[in-house]
Protein backbone atom coordinates (compact mmCIF):
# COMPACT_ATOMS: atom_id res chain seq x y z
CA MET A 1 -107.23 -131.92 -92.95
CA LYS A 2 -104.84 -132.65 -90.11
CA ARG A 3 -102.09 -133.65 -92.56
CA SER A 4 -102.32 -130.36 -94.48
CA GLY A 5 -102.58 -128.48 -91.19
CA GLU A 6 -99.39 -130.13 -89.97
CA THR A 7 -97.63 -129.19 -93.21
CA LEU A 8 -98.76 -125.58 -92.84
CA LEU A 9 -97.68 -125.54 -89.20
CA LYS A 10 -94.19 -126.79 -90.05
CA ALA A 11 -93.89 -124.15 -92.79
CA LEU A 12 -95.03 -121.34 -90.48
CA GLU A 13 -92.69 -122.44 -87.70
CA ALA A 14 -89.78 -122.56 -90.17
CA GLU A 15 -90.70 -119.09 -91.43
CA TYR A 16 -90.82 -117.82 -87.84
CA LEU A 17 -87.35 -119.22 -87.14
CA THR A 18 -85.96 -117.58 -90.28
CA LEU A 19 -87.52 -114.22 -89.39
CA LEU A 20 -86.34 -114.54 -85.79
CA ILE A 21 -82.74 -115.17 -86.79
CA GLU A 22 -82.80 -112.22 -89.21
CA ALA A 23 -84.33 -109.97 -86.52
CA LEU A 24 -81.79 -111.10 -83.93
CA GLU A 25 -78.94 -110.36 -86.34
CA ARG A 26 -80.32 -106.85 -86.99
CA CYS A 27 -80.66 -106.37 -83.24
CA VAL A 28 -77.03 -107.38 -82.69
CA ASP A 29 -76.14 -104.75 -85.30
CA GLY A 30 -77.95 -102.08 -83.29
CA ARG A 31 -81.61 -102.07 -84.37
CA SER A 32 -83.59 -101.74 -81.16
CA GLY A 33 -87.14 -102.69 -80.27
CA LEU A 34 -87.21 -106.45 -80.72
CA PHE A 35 -87.31 -107.06 -76.97
CA GLY A 36 -89.55 -104.09 -76.20
CA GLN A 37 -87.10 -102.27 -73.97
CA ASN A 38 -88.15 -98.91 -75.44
CA ASP A 39 -91.90 -99.58 -75.53
CA GLY A 40 -92.52 -97.53 -72.38
CA ALA A 41 -90.88 -94.47 -73.88
CA LEU A 42 -92.72 -94.96 -77.18
CA ALA A 43 -96.08 -95.03 -75.39
CA SER A 44 -95.82 -91.32 -74.61
CA LEU A 45 -95.27 -90.35 -78.25
CA GLY A 46 -97.92 -89.49 -80.80
CA LYS A 47 -99.45 -92.34 -82.77
CA ARG A 48 -97.67 -91.54 -86.06
CA LEU A 49 -94.25 -91.14 -84.46
CA ARG A 50 -94.76 -94.24 -82.30
CA LYS A 51 -95.62 -96.28 -85.40
CA ARG A 52 -92.54 -95.01 -87.23
CA LEU A 53 -90.20 -95.78 -84.32
CA SER A 54 -91.65 -99.12 -83.22
CA SER A 55 -89.99 -102.39 -84.22
CA HIS A 56 -91.29 -103.86 -87.47
CA ASP A 57 -89.38 -107.05 -86.62
CA ALA A 58 -91.19 -107.42 -83.30
CA SER A 59 -94.60 -106.74 -84.86
CA GLU A 60 -94.02 -109.27 -87.63
CA LEU A 61 -92.81 -111.97 -85.24
CA LEU A 62 -95.60 -111.38 -82.73
CA ASP A 63 -98.25 -111.54 -85.48
CA LEU A 64 -96.81 -114.71 -87.00
CA GLY A 65 -96.33 -116.24 -83.54
CA SER A 66 -99.97 -115.59 -82.70
CA HIS A 67 -101.00 -117.30 -85.93
CA VAL A 68 -98.74 -120.29 -85.21
CA ASP A 69 -100.11 -120.62 -81.66
CA ALA A 70 -103.70 -120.53 -82.96
CA LEU A 71 -102.94 -123.23 -85.51
CA ARG A 72 -101.21 -125.35 -82.86
CA ARG A 73 -104.33 -125.13 -80.67
CA LYS A 74 -106.54 -126.03 -83.62
CA LEU A 75 -104.37 -129.09 -84.32
CA GLY A 76 -104.55 -130.20 -80.68
CA TYR A 77 -101.10 -129.24 -79.43
CA ALA A 78 -101.13 -128.63 -75.67
CA GLU A 79 -98.11 -126.32 -75.69
CA PRO A 80 -97.78 -122.99 -77.51
CA PHE A 81 -94.91 -122.41 -79.94
CA PRO A 82 -91.76 -122.29 -77.78
CA LEU A 83 -89.87 -119.66 -79.79
CA ASN A 84 -92.80 -117.25 -79.67
CA GLN A 85 -93.36 -117.90 -75.98
CA ARG A 86 -89.73 -117.11 -75.30
CA LEU A 87 -89.93 -113.85 -77.24
CA LEU A 88 -93.08 -112.87 -75.35
CA LYS A 89 -91.41 -113.65 -72.03
CA MET A 90 -88.28 -111.71 -72.94
CA ARG A 91 -90.37 -108.71 -74.03
CA SER A 92 -92.30 -108.73 -70.76
CA SER A 93 -89.35 -109.07 -68.39
CA ASN A 94 -87.59 -105.76 -68.93
CA THR A 95 -86.18 -104.13 -65.82
CA ALA A 96 -83.61 -101.44 -65.16
CA ASN A 97 -81.04 -104.22 -64.76
CA SER A 98 -81.94 -106.10 -67.95
CA MET A 99 -79.18 -106.92 -70.39
CA GLY A 100 -79.24 -104.63 -73.44
CA GLU A 101 -81.05 -105.77 -76.57
CA PRO A 102 -77.90 -106.43 -78.64
CA LYS A 103 -76.47 -108.65 -75.90
CA LEU A 104 -79.78 -110.49 -75.50
CA ALA A 105 -79.92 -111.03 -79.25
CA ARG A 106 -76.34 -112.27 -79.41
CA ALA A 107 -76.95 -114.74 -76.56
CA TRP A 108 -80.12 -116.08 -78.20
CA LEU A 109 -78.37 -116.45 -81.56
CA GLU A 110 -75.63 -118.40 -79.82
CA GLU A 111 -78.21 -120.71 -78.22
CA LEU A 112 -79.96 -121.23 -81.54
CA SER A 113 -76.67 -122.09 -83.23
CA GLN A 114 -76.21 -124.89 -80.68
CA GLU A 115 -79.61 -126.44 -81.47
CA PRO A 116 -79.33 -129.62 -83.55
CA GLY A 117 -80.95 -129.33 -86.95
CA LEU A 118 -80.92 -125.53 -87.13
């Protein structure tokens, strides 16, 4: 069981990385919402409009990240998935002085490009 769980985990983490890079590239091109900087403004809108304007990229990554973290716990990993934890942290640390989403995305893409094996 652990062997197949490890294989699934590696596949899900690779899928997350692929989705993250695609989402970051769309964010650099101007699609907002990945880092949640507009979530406060969206909260005041009606449910249907909020759903239409919210970030599909963020929702997809957060859902997959939650699944990856649950599998990591099940397999005995002490630490949650680092990429998902970073996205969660970046989404929760928005202030008036935060860097804009396209700049955040560009900086993260640059960091990822420096990672060996990516």
